[in-house]
């Protein structure tokens, strides 16, 4: 008997976060796109959109415009202008964005929707690869992701949020409608400020509830909290599904919106295959530090530090360091780590250095001010734009990787470190207990003494067995977040969405 051929599930994946940094949500978006592109039963397309810039019109969704088919040169001109709009900060004025928001509101009130135009990446592969994927994916994935198609949402993401907040003042929040009728599922990486077509299931990949439960730690607190809460509430009310990156995040979501419990599941983040425990030469570390050091915040830096660093690092044993990989912002708890490190240098480990890998986030100036003396003396180093291949080396040779945050949704750095053979020291918060299991040394994030004791217990030569045990267990735990382990969970989840789409009268299916 011949099996009936099922058409592939059509998935639209939001790629806006991939315009951001190396790790966190941007990395999660890139890895998920790659993984879905590997599934034969899924046809994934990327949604291109920016926070604040109005994008130029792309190609007509069905190949024909109002005035007939566009010539090749006209198509390339349009697509080139989309690239410029994404890249050029002053492409549109604030007045232009405001006018667009008002027009969008009126259109929504009249029952209209926002059309998604097409972006043909064949002539713009360099831009798409380097702008959206190269910070996370290896070059071997180039052909894979370039085979995919892309759509364009012209309206800025922020304008969508503002539309909902402004209309709420008039009595009821009205978010834009996206015409997603070509897709069975749309996956957004954060609460999404729009509704989708009736035939499309909206899936929110929920990373954390920090804007709701820790609003004192976020940037632009008033707008960030409002954007997150209002869009999330709209998504819950509209029947969206939620794929949470940890059980801890799912509990937070359900604590705020109990009605979302039956439409929420946990699928942990997958970690890039860049990170492995392959042998590497510790003599690369000084060159990585010298190349990637953030000099913008240190105009008075003594440049002779590089020479001293090279001299100190002739062997791996003479360059001991702690590693933290995180954006520089208050929630990440850098100052507690600084105090614990200073304490350890005085009491036991005078040559212990610190490498801080991460971009400058919000409210970073006070943190940097505390680190400044150590940065200028060449005892601590702040690095930025570190490539994944370089970070693998830094993980591999660290005495320990410290994850001291007060709150997280998942926390990639600890798992990456485990995959590279580094012992992990982590704050005792629910998500770390869940994700790192028994493969980390835990400490009270509010206690410098607790942190210093945890570090000492891991790096003390007299307790080398304990350190080796953490590394061994970490290698096992880290496999839970590999592509091969996580992708089948996404496949099962999407199969359920397909089943529901073909039987819309059925009740929601419980997913485990």
Protein backbone atom coordinates (compact mmCIF):
# COMPACT_ATOMS: atom_id res chain seq x y z
CA UNK A 1 0.00 0.00 0.00
CA UNK A 2 1.38 3.38 -1.01
CA UNK A 3 1.76 5.83 1.86
CA UNK A 4 0.11 9.19 1.41
CA UNK A 5 2.74 11.89 0.94
CA UNK A 6 2.40 14.70 3.46
CA UNK A 7 3.58 18.14 2.46
CA UNK A 8 6.32 19.57 4.67
CA UNK A 9 5.31 21.66 7.65
CA UNK A 10 5.82 25.31 6.73
CA UNK A 11 7.56 27.15 9.58
CA UNK A 12 8.36 30.86 9.79
CA UNK A 13 11.14 31.55 12.33
CA UNK A 14 11.80 35.05 13.67
CA UNK A 15 15.43 36.03 12.97
CA UNK A 16 15.45 39.55 14.44
CA UNK A 17 17.39 38.46 17.58
CA UNK A 18 20.15 37.05 15.38
CA UNK A 19 21.10 40.63 14.49
CA UNK A 20 22.34 40.93 18.08
CA UNK A 21 25.32 39.45 19.89
CA UNK A 22 27.11 36.12 19.97
CA UNK A 23 25.31 34.30 22.78
CA UNK A 24 21.96 34.02 24.54
CA UNK A 25 18.79 34.48 22.46
CA UNK A 26 20.69 35.43 19.27
CA UNK A 27 22.63 32.18 19.45
CA UNK A 28 19.48 30.19 20.22
CA UNK A 29 17.75 31.60 17.12
CA UNK A 30 20.66 30.66 14.83
CA UNK A 31 20.95 27.14 16.20
CA UNK A 32 17.21 26.47 15.94
CA UNK A 33 17.11 27.72 12.33
CA UNK A 34 19.97 25.39 11.42
CA UNK A 35 18.34 22.42 13.14
CA UNK A 36 14.93 22.92 11.54
CA UNK A 37 16.62 23.28 8.14
CA UNK A 38 17.92 19.72 8.60
CA UNK A 39 14.43 18.23 8.96
CA UNK A 40 12.99 16.79 5.74
CA UNK A 41 9.45 17.21 7.02
CA UNK A 42 9.91 20.93 7.73
CA UNK A 43 10.37 23.84 5.35
CA UNK A 44 11.72 26.68 7.46
CA UNK A 45 11.90 30.31 6.35
CA UNK A 46 13.45 33.19 8.27
CA UNK A 47 11.55 36.37 9.12
CA UNK A 48 13.74 39.46 8.69
CA UNK A 49 12.78 42.45 10.83
CA UNK A 50 14.56 45.09 12.91
CA UNK A 51 13.85 46.76 16.21
CA UNK A 52 13.59 50.35 14.98
CA UNK A 53 14.15 50.62 11.22
CA UNK A 54 11.50 50.54 8.53
CA UNK A 55 12.62 48.09 5.85
CA UNK A 56 12.25 48.69 2.15
CA UNK A 57 9.70 46.64 0.22
CA UNK A 58 10.95 43.23 -0.72
CA UNK A 59 9.64 41.10 -3.54
CA UNK A 60 5.91 40.46 -3.94
CA UNK A 61 4.85 37.32 -2.02
CA UNK A 62 3.38 35.66 -5.11
CA UNK A 63 5.96 36.91 -7.60
CA UNK A 64 3.79 39.64 -9.14
CA UNK A 65 3.43 43.25 -8.01
CA UNK A 66 0.60 45.70 -8.65
CA UNK A 67 2.12 46.60 -12.01
CA UNK A 68 3.18 43.15 -13.15
CA UNK A 69 6.36 41.16 -12.72
CA UNK A 70 9.52 42.99 -11.68
CA UNK A 71 12.58 42.74 -13.93
CA UNK A 72 15.76 41.21 -12.50
CA UNK A 73 17.45 44.57 -11.99
CA UNK A 74 14.35 45.94 -10.24
CA UNK A 75 14.25 42.92 -7.93
CA UNK A 76 17.93 43.25 -7.01
CA UNK A 77 17.52 46.98 -6.42
CA UNK A 78 14.69 46.33 -3.99
CA UNK A 79 16.61 43.66 -2.13
CA UNK A 80 19.73 45.81 -1.97
CA UNK A 81 17.70 48.56 -0.36
CA UNK A 82 16.46 46.06 2.25
CA UNK A 83 20.10 45.27 3.10
CA UNK A 84 20.90 48.97 3.41
CA UNK A 85 17.86 49.55 5.63
CA UNK A 86 18.97 46.80 8.01
CA UNK A 87 22.55 48.10 8.13
CA UNK A 88 22.14 51.89 7.99
CA UNK A 89 21.21 53.45 11.32
CA UNK A 90 19.70 56.62 9.85
CA UNK A 91 17.73 54.89 7.11
CA UNK A 92 14.43 56.14 8.51
CA UNK A 93 13.69 59.04 10.81
CA UNK A 94 11.83 58.79 14.10
CA UNK A 95 9.01 60.76 12.46
CA UNK A 96 8.84 58.13 9.70
CA UNK A 97 8.57 55.33 12.25
CA UNK A 98 5.90 57.26 14.19
CA UNK A 99 3.88 57.85 11.04
CA UNK A 100 4.16 54.18 10.16
CA UNK A 101 2.87 53.22 13.61
CA UNK A 102 -0.16 55.46 13.16
CA UNK A 103 -0.82 54.08 9.68
CA UNK A 104 -0.47 50.55 11.02
CA UNK A 105 -2.99 51.27 13.78
CA UNK A 106 -5.54 52.67 11.33
CA UNK A 107 -5.02 49.73 8.98
CA UNK A 108 -5.56 47.32 11.85
CA UNK A 109 -8.75 49.10 12.90
CA UNK A 110 -10.04 48.71 9.35
CA UNK A 111 -9.30 44.98 9.36
CA UNK A 112 -6.13 45.07 7.30
CA UNK A 113 -2.96 43.06 7.77
CA UNK A 114 0.76 43.49 7.21
CA UNK A 115 1.95 41.65 4.12
CA UNK A 116 5.20 39.72 4.37
CA UNK A 117 7.32 40.27 1.28
CA UNK A 118 10.05 37.92 0.03
CA UNK A 119 13.81 38.25 0.36
CA UNK A 120 15.69 36.19 -2.22
CA UNK A 121 19.10 35.57 -0.65
CA UNK A 122 20.82 34.10 -3.71
CA UNK A 123 22.62 37.35 -4.62
CA UNK A 124 23.07 38.45 -0.99
CA UNK A 125 24.49 35.35 0.63
CA UNK A 126 27.50 37.16 2.09
CA UNK A 127 25.22 39.61 3.89
CA UNK A 128 22.77 37.00 5.18
CA UNK A 129 25.48 34.61 6.34
CA UNK A 130 27.72 37.12 8.10
CA UNK A 131 24.90 39.22 9.56
CA UNK A 132 22.59 36.48 10.80
CA UNK A 133 24.52 33.22 11.16
CA UNK A 134 28.33 33.42 11.18
CA UNK A 135 28.69 34.37 14.85
CA UNK A 136 27.38 30.96 15.90
CA UNK A 137 27.42 28.49 13.02
CA UNK A 138 30.55 26.95 11.46
CA UNK A 139 31.28 27.61 7.80
CA UNK A 140 30.20 24.04 6.99
CA UNK A 141 26.60 25.15 7.58
CA UNK A 142 26.72 27.86 4.90
CA UNK A 143 25.04 25.85 2.14
CA UNK A 144 22.43 24.47 4.54
CA UNK A 145 21.07 27.80 5.74
CA UNK A 146 21.47 29.50 2.36
CA UNK A 147 19.06 26.99 0.82
CA UNK A 148 16.28 28.46 2.96
CA UNK A 149 13.99 31.29 1.94
CA UNK A 150 13.34 34.50 3.87
CA UNK A 151 10.43 36.87 4.39
CA UNK A 152 10.41 40.55 5.34
CA UNK A 153 8.30 42.33 7.94
CA UNK A 154 8.74 45.98 6.97
CA UNK A 155 7.39 47.47 10.17
CA UNK A 156 9.82 47.77 13.12
CA UNK A 157 9.31 45.42 16.06
CA UNK A 158 9.26 48.39 18.43
CA UNK A 159 6.56 50.10 16.35
CA UNK A 160 4.39 47.00 16.75
CA UNK A 161 4.77 47.21 20.51
CA UNK A 162 4.00 50.93 20.52
CA UNK A 163 0.88 50.30 18.45
CA UNK A 164 -0.44 48.00 21.17
CA UNK A 165 0.43 50.39 24.01
CA UNK A 166 -1.06 53.44 22.30
CA UNK A 167 -4.34 51.73 21.42
CA UNK A 168 -4.55 50.35 24.95
CA UNK A 169 -4.79 53.95 26.15
CA UNK A 170 -7.84 54.28 23.91
CA UNK A 171 -9.56 51.34 25.58
CA UNK A 172 -8.29 48.11 24.01
CA UNK A 173 -4.82 47.06 22.84
CA UNK A 174 -4.71 46.48 19.08
CA UNK A 175 -1.61 44.78 17.77
CA UNK A 176 -0.85 44.48 14.05
CA UNK A 177 -1.92 41.45 12.06
CA UNK A 178 0.75 39.67 10.05
CA UNK A 179 -0.36 37.86 6.93
CA UNK A 180 1.26 34.50 7.67
CA UNK A 181 -1.22 32.51 5.58
CA UNK A 182 1.66 30.76 3.77
CA UNK A 183 2.79 29.12 7.02
CA UNK A 184 1.49 26.46 9.40
CA UNK A 185 3.61 27.65 12.35
CA UNK A 186 5.36 30.89 13.26
CA UNK A 187 8.03 30.67 15.97
CA UNK A 188 8.95 33.93 17.73
CA UNK A 189 11.94 34.18 20.03
CA UNK A 190 10.27 36.54 22.53
CA UNK A 191 6.66 37.62 23.22
CA UNK A 192 5.58 38.81 19.79
CA UNK A 193 3.63 42.07 19.32
CA UNK A 194 1.36 40.89 16.51
CA UNK A 195 -1.31 38.34 15.69
CA UNK A 196 -1.00 35.80 12.89
CA UNK A 197 -3.33 34.35 10.27
CA UNK A 198 -6.00 31.91 11.42
CA UNK A 199 -4.32 28.94 9.75
CA UNK A 200 -1.00 29.68 11.50
CA UNK A 201 -0.07 28.46 14.98
CA UNK A 202 1.92 31.06 16.92
CA UNK A 203 4.67 29.53 19.06
CA UNK A 204 6.57 31.73 21.50
CA UNK A 205 9.99 30.48 22.47
CA UNK A 206 9.97 31.76 26.03
CA UNK A 207 13.48 32.38 27.35
CA UNK A 208 12.80 34.00 30.71
CA UNK A 209 10.35 36.07 32.75
CA UNK A 210 13.05 38.44 34.01
CA UNK A 211 11.31 41.59 32.65
CA UNK A 212 8.29 40.64 34.79
CA UNK A 213 9.88 39.18 37.93
CA UNK A 214 13.20 41.05 38.05
CA UNK A 215 12.31 44.39 36.38
CA UNK A 216 14.93 46.23 38.44
CA UNK A 217 17.65 44.44 36.46
CA UNK A 218 16.58 45.26 32.88
CA UNK A 219 17.44 48.08 30.51
CA UNK A 220 14.88 50.83 29.70
CA UNK A 221 12.83 49.38 32.54
CA UNK A 222 9.52 51.13 31.87
CA UNK A 223 9.32 50.28 28.16
CA UNK A 224 10.99 46.87 28.35
CA UNK A 225 8.63 45.66 31.06
CA UNK A 226 5.57 47.09 29.30
CA UNK A 227 6.54 45.66 25.91
CA UNK A 228 7.17 42.22 27.39
CA UNK A 229 4.08 42.03 29.59
CA UNK A 230 1.55 43.43 27.12
CA UNK A 231 2.74 41.33 24.19
CA UNK A 232 2.96 38.22 26.37
CA UNK A 233 -0.57 38.76 27.64
CA UNK A 234 -1.80 39.17 24.06
CA UNK A 235 -0.05 35.95 23.04
CA UNK A 236 -1.60 34.05 25.96
CA UNK A 237 -5.09 35.38 25.19
CA UNK A 238 -4.77 34.55 21.50
CA UNK A 239 -4.03 30.88 22.20
CA UNK A 240 -0.31 30.80 21.40
CA UNK A 241 1.86 27.88 22.46
CA UNK A 242 4.97 28.45 24.59
CA UNK A 243 8.19 26.48 24.27
CA UNK A 244 10.14 27.33 27.42
CA UNK A 245 13.92 26.89 27.53
CA UNK A 246 13.84 25.40 31.06
CA UNK A 247 11.36 24.05 33.58
CA UNK A 248 12.25 27.00 35.80
CA UNK A 249 11.20 29.41 33.06
CA UNK A 250 7.99 27.46 32.48
CA UNK A 251 7.13 27.66 36.19
CA UNK A 252 7.66 31.42 36.08
CA UNK A 253 5.41 31.74 33.05
CA UNK A 254 2.64 29.67 34.62
CA UNK A 255 2.93 31.60 37.90
CA UNK A 256 2.03 34.76 35.98
CA UNK A 257 -0.43 33.21 33.49
CA UNK A 258 -1.87 29.94 34.88
CA UNK A 259 -4.09 29.64 31.80
CA UNK A 260 -0.97 29.01 29.69
CA UNK A 261 -0.07 25.80 31.52
CA UNK A 262 -1.72 23.42 29.03
CA UNK A 263 -0.13 25.27 26.12
CA UNK A 264 3.41 25.35 27.47
CA UNK A 265 6.19 22.79 27.23
CA UNK A 266 9.89 22.70 28.02
CA UNK A 267 12.50 22.15 25.33
CA UNK A 268 15.93 23.15 26.55
CA UNK A 269 18.28 25.18 24.41
CA UNK A 270 20.76 23.29 22.30
CA UNK A 271 24.42 24.22 22.54
CA UNK A 272 26.61 24.86 19.52
CA UNK A 273 28.76 22.01 18.23
CA UNK A 274 31.70 24.45 18.24
CA UNK A 275 32.26 23.51 21.89
CA UNK A 276 34.17 20.27 22.40
CA UNK A 277 36.92 18.97 24.66
CA UNK A 278 39.43 18.72 21.82
CA UNK A 279 43.06 19.34 22.88
CA UNK A 280 44.29 22.90 22.31
CA UNK A 281 47.53 24.77 22.85
CA UNK A 282 47.49 27.03 25.91
CA UNK A 283 50.03 29.25 24.18
CA UNK A 284 47.14 30.58 22.07
CA UNK A 285 45.61 32.27 25.10
CA UNK A 286 47.88 35.36 25.20
CA UNK A 287 47.25 36.01 21.52
CA UNK A 288 43.48 35.68 22.00
CA UNK A 289 43.61 38.08 24.93
CA UNK A 290 45.74 40.61 23.09
CA UNK A 291 43.54 40.46 19.97
CA UNK A 292 40.14 40.54 21.68
CA UNK A 293 40.78 42.88 24.59
CA UNK A 294 38.28 45.72 24.94
CA UNK A 295 40.43 48.86 24.75
CA UNK A 296 37.55 51.32 24.43
CA UNK A 297 37.00 51.43 28.17
CA UNK A 298 40.71 51.60 29.09
CA UNK A 299 42.40 54.63 27.49
CA UNK A 300 45.04 54.65 30.25
CA UNK A 301 45.93 50.96 29.87
CA UNK A 302 49.61 50.06 30.17
CA UNK A 303 50.25 48.32 26.84
CA UNK A 304 53.23 46.48 28.26
CA UNK A 305 50.72 44.06 29.80
CA UNK A 306 50.78 42.05 26.55
CA UNK A 307 54.53 41.44 26.84
CA UNK A 308 54.18 40.36 30.47
CA UNK A 309 51.25 38.12 29.57
CA UNK A 310 53.24 36.42 26.84
CA UNK A 311 56.12 35.86 29.24
CA UNK A 312 53.81 34.48 31.94
CA UNK A 313 52.06 32.09 29.58
CA UNK A 314 54.97 30.13 28.16
CA UNK A 315 53.38 27.11 29.83
CA UNK A 316 49.77 26.45 30.78
CA UNK A 317 50.70 26.02 34.45
CA UNK A 318 52.00 29.58 34.87
CA UNK A 319 48.82 31.28 33.63
CA UNK A 320 45.94 30.36 35.92
CA UNK A 321 42.67 32.21 35.44
CA UNK A 322 39.00 32.17 36.24
CA UNK A 323 36.64 32.69 33.31
CA UNK A 324 33.22 34.37 33.19
CA UNK A 325 31.31 34.61 29.91
CA UNK A 326 28.46 37.07 30.21
CA UNK A 327 27.19 40.50 29.23
CA UNK A 328 28.45 43.15 31.66
CA UNK A 329 25.31 44.17 33.53
CA UNK A 330 24.17 44.05 37.20
CA UNK A 331 22.07 40.86 37.02
CA UNK A 332 25.15 38.85 36.09
CA UNK A 333 26.75 39.51 39.51
CA UNK A 334 30.28 40.38 38.34
CA UNK A 335 31.02 42.38 41.48
CA UNK A 336 30.55 39.42 43.80
CA UNK A 337 32.98 37.46 41.65
CA UNK A 338 35.43 40.36 41.78
CA UNK A 339 35.29 40.46 45.58
CA UNK A 340 35.72 36.68 45.89
CA UNK A 341 38.64 36.73 43.44
CA UNK A 342 40.36 39.55 45.34
CA UNK A 343 39.93 37.58 48.56
CA UNK A 344 41.45 34.45 47.03
CA UNK A 345 44.41 36.36 45.60
CA UNK A 346 45.25 37.71 49.07
CA UNK A 347 44.73 34.46 50.96
CA UNK A 348 45.82 31.61 48.66
CA UNK A 349 46.29 32.31 44.94
CA UNK A 350 48.27 35.52 44.33
CA UNK A 351 48.85 34.76 40.63
CA UNK A 352 45.25 33.88 39.79
CA UNK A 353 43.98 36.06 36.94
CA UNK A 354 40.50 36.67 35.57
CA UNK A 355 39.16 36.74 32.02
CA UNK A 356 35.80 38.43 31.48
CA UNK A 357 34.26 37.70 28.08
CA UNK A 358 31.23 39.75 27.15
CA UNK A 359 29.91 42.94 25.64
CA UNK A 360 29.11 46.04 27.66
CA UNK A 361 25.47 45.92 28.69
CA UNK A 362 23.26 48.30 30.59
CA UNK A 363 24.41 50.00 33.80
CA UNK A 364 27.93 48.65 33.26
CA UNK A 365 29.91 51.74 34.29
CA UNK A 366 29.93 51.02 38.03
CA UNK A 367 31.00 47.44 37.37
CA UNK A 368 33.85 48.51 35.09
CA UNK A 369 34.95 51.15 37.59
CA UNK A 370 35.49 48.43 40.20
CA UNK A 371 37.48 46.30 37.77
CA UNK A 372 39.49 49.23 36.41
CA UNK A 373 42.58 48.95 38.67
CA UNK A 374 42.95 45.27 37.89
CA UNK A 375 42.41 45.83 34.17
CA UNK A 376 45.13 48.47 34.10
CA UNK A 377 47.58 46.22 35.98
CA UNK A 378 47.05 43.32 33.58
CA UNK A 379 45.62 40.98 36.23
CA UNK A 380 42.09 40.97 34.82
CA UNK A 381 41.15 41.21 31.15
CA UNK A 382 37.88 42.26 29.54
CA UNK A 383 37.43 40.66 26.12
CA UNK A 384 34.82 41.25 23.43
CA UNK A 385 33.90 39.75 20.04
CA UNK A 386 35.59 36.47 20.94
CA UNK A 387 35.03 33.86 18.24
CA UNK A 388 33.51 30.54 19.26
CA UNK A 389 36.70 28.72 18.27
CA UNK A 390 38.69 31.06 20.52
CA UNK A 391 36.22 30.76 23.37
CA UNK A 392 36.61 26.99 23.22
CA UNK A 393 40.31 27.45 23.98
CA UNK A 394 39.58 29.81 26.86
CA UNK A 395 37.08 27.37 28.36
CA UNK A 396 39.46 24.44 27.96
CA UNK A 397 42.33 25.99 29.95
CA UNK A 398 40.39 27.90 32.63
CA UNK A 399 40.90 26.77 36.21
CA UNK A 400 37.13 27.14 36.41
CA UNK A 401 34.24 28.85 34.63
CA UNK A 402 32.05 30.87 36.98
CA UNK A 403 28.32 31.51 36.35
CA UNK A 404 27.38 33.86 39.21
CA UNK A 405 24.11 35.36 37.92
CA UNK A 406 21.16 36.26 40.17
CA UNK A 407 18.68 35.09 37.54
CA UNK A 408 18.70 33.26 34.20
CA UNK A 409 16.41 31.51 31.77
CA UNK A 410 18.98 28.88 30.75
CA UNK A 411 22.63 30.11 30.84
CA UNK A 412 24.64 28.78 27.91
CA UNK A 413 28.09 29.45 29.33
CA UNK A 414 28.05 26.68 31.93
CA UNK A 415 27.06 24.01 29.42
CA UNK A 416 29.58 25.29 26.88
CA UNK A 417 32.27 25.12 29.54
CA UNK A 418 31.32 21.54 30.45
CA UNK A 419 31.53 20.51 26.80
CA UNK A 420 35.06 21.96 26.66
CA UNK A 421 36.27 20.24 29.81
CA UNK A 422 36.09 23.15 32.26
CA UNK A 423 34.72 22.71 35.79
CA UNK A 424 31.74 24.97 36.48
CA UNK A 425 30.96 27.04 39.56
CA UNK A 426 27.38 28.35 39.53
CA UNK A 427 25.04 30.43 41.64
CA UNK A 428 22.47 28.35 43.48
CA UNK A 429 19.36 29.41 41.56
CA UNK A 430 16.63 27.05 40.28
CA UNK A 431 17.61 27.15 36.62
CA UNK A 432 21.26 26.33 37.37
CA UNK A 433 20.24 23.39 39.56
CA UNK A 434 18.03 22.14 36.73
CA UNK A 435 20.38 22.64 33.78
CA UNK A 436 23.72 21.86 35.42
CA UNK A 437 22.38 19.08 37.70
CA UNK A 438 25.19 17.60 39.82
CA UNK A 439 27.95 18.80 37.47
CA UNK A 440 28.61 22.16 39.12
CA UNK A 441 29.83 23.54 42.43
CA UNK A 442 27.02 25.74 43.74
CA UNK A 443 27.19 28.85 45.94
CA UNK A 444 24.93 31.49 47.44
CA UNK A 445 24.94 34.39 44.93
CA UNK A 446 24.47 36.90 47.76
CA UNK A 447 27.50 35.72 49.72
CA UNK A 448 31.08 36.55 48.71
CA UNK A 449 32.37 34.04 51.28
CA UNK A 450 30.23 31.28 49.78
CA UNK A 451 31.54 32.10 46.30
CA UNK A 452 35.20 32.24 47.38
CA UNK A 453 34.84 28.90 49.19
CA UNK A 454 33.26 27.34 46.10
CA UNK A 455 36.08 28.58 43.87
CA UNK A 456 38.73 27.37 46.31
CA UNK A 457 37.16 23.93 46.53
CA UNK A 458 37.43 23.59 42.74
CA UNK A 459 40.88 25.09 42.03
CA UNK A 460 42.76 23.95 45.15
CA UNK A 461 45.47 21.48 44.01
CA UNK A 462 44.83 19.47 47.17
CA UNK A 463 41.29 18.77 45.88
CA UNK A 464 42.17 17.86 42.31
CA UNK A 465 39.93 14.79 42.52
CA UNK A 466 36.90 16.98 43.10
CA UNK A 467 37.79 19.11 40.06
CA UNK A 468 38.23 16.05 37.88
CA UNK A 469 34.90 14.69 39.10
CA UNK A 470 33.09 17.88 38.07
CA UNK A 471 34.69 17.77 34.63
CA UNK A 472 33.76 14.11 34.13
CA UNK A 473 30.16 14.60 35.25
CA UNK A 474 29.90 17.82 33.25
CA UNK A 475 30.75 16.03 30.01
CA UNK A 476 27.80 13.68 30.58
CA UNK A 477 25.34 16.40 31.60
CA UNK A 478 26.30 18.63 28.65
CA UNK A 479 25.20 15.96 26.18
CA UNK A 480 21.60 16.61 27.25
CA UNK A 481 21.80 19.88 25.33
CA UNK A 482 23.38 18.60 22.13
CA UNK A 483 21.72 18.94 18.75
CA UNK A 484 21.09 15.18 18.55
CA UNK A 485 19.29 15.17 21.89
CA UNK A 486 17.20 18.35 21.50
CA UNK A 487 16.14 18.22 17.82
CA UNK A 488 13.90 15.13 18.28
CA UNK A 489 11.97 17.08 20.92
CA UNK A 490 11.31 19.85 18.41
CA UNK A 491 10.28 17.29 15.82
CA UNK A 492 7.75 15.75 18.22
CA UNK A 493 6.42 19.15 19.22
CA UNK A 494 5.96 20.27 15.62
CA UNK A 495 4.24 17.00 14.74
CA UNK A 496 1.69 17.77 17.43
CA UNK A 497 1.14 21.21 15.97
CA UNK A 498 0.57 19.60 12.58
CA UNK A 499 -1.96 17.16 14.06
CA UNK A 500 -3.85 19.96 15.75
CA UNK A 501 -3.90 22.02 12.56
CA UNK A 502 -5.53 19.10 10.74
CA UNK A 503 -8.04 18.49 13.56
CA UNK A 504 -8.86 22.00 14.85
CA UNK A 505 -11.92 20.87 16.76
CA UNK A 506 -9.88 18.66 19.07
CA UNK A 507 -8.74 19.86 22.47
CA UNK A 508 -5.11 20.74 23.03
CA UNK A 509 -2.84 17.74 23.19
CA UNK A 510 -0.69 17.36 26.29
CA UNK A 511 3.01 17.17 25.32
CA UNK A 512 5.77 15.52 27.29
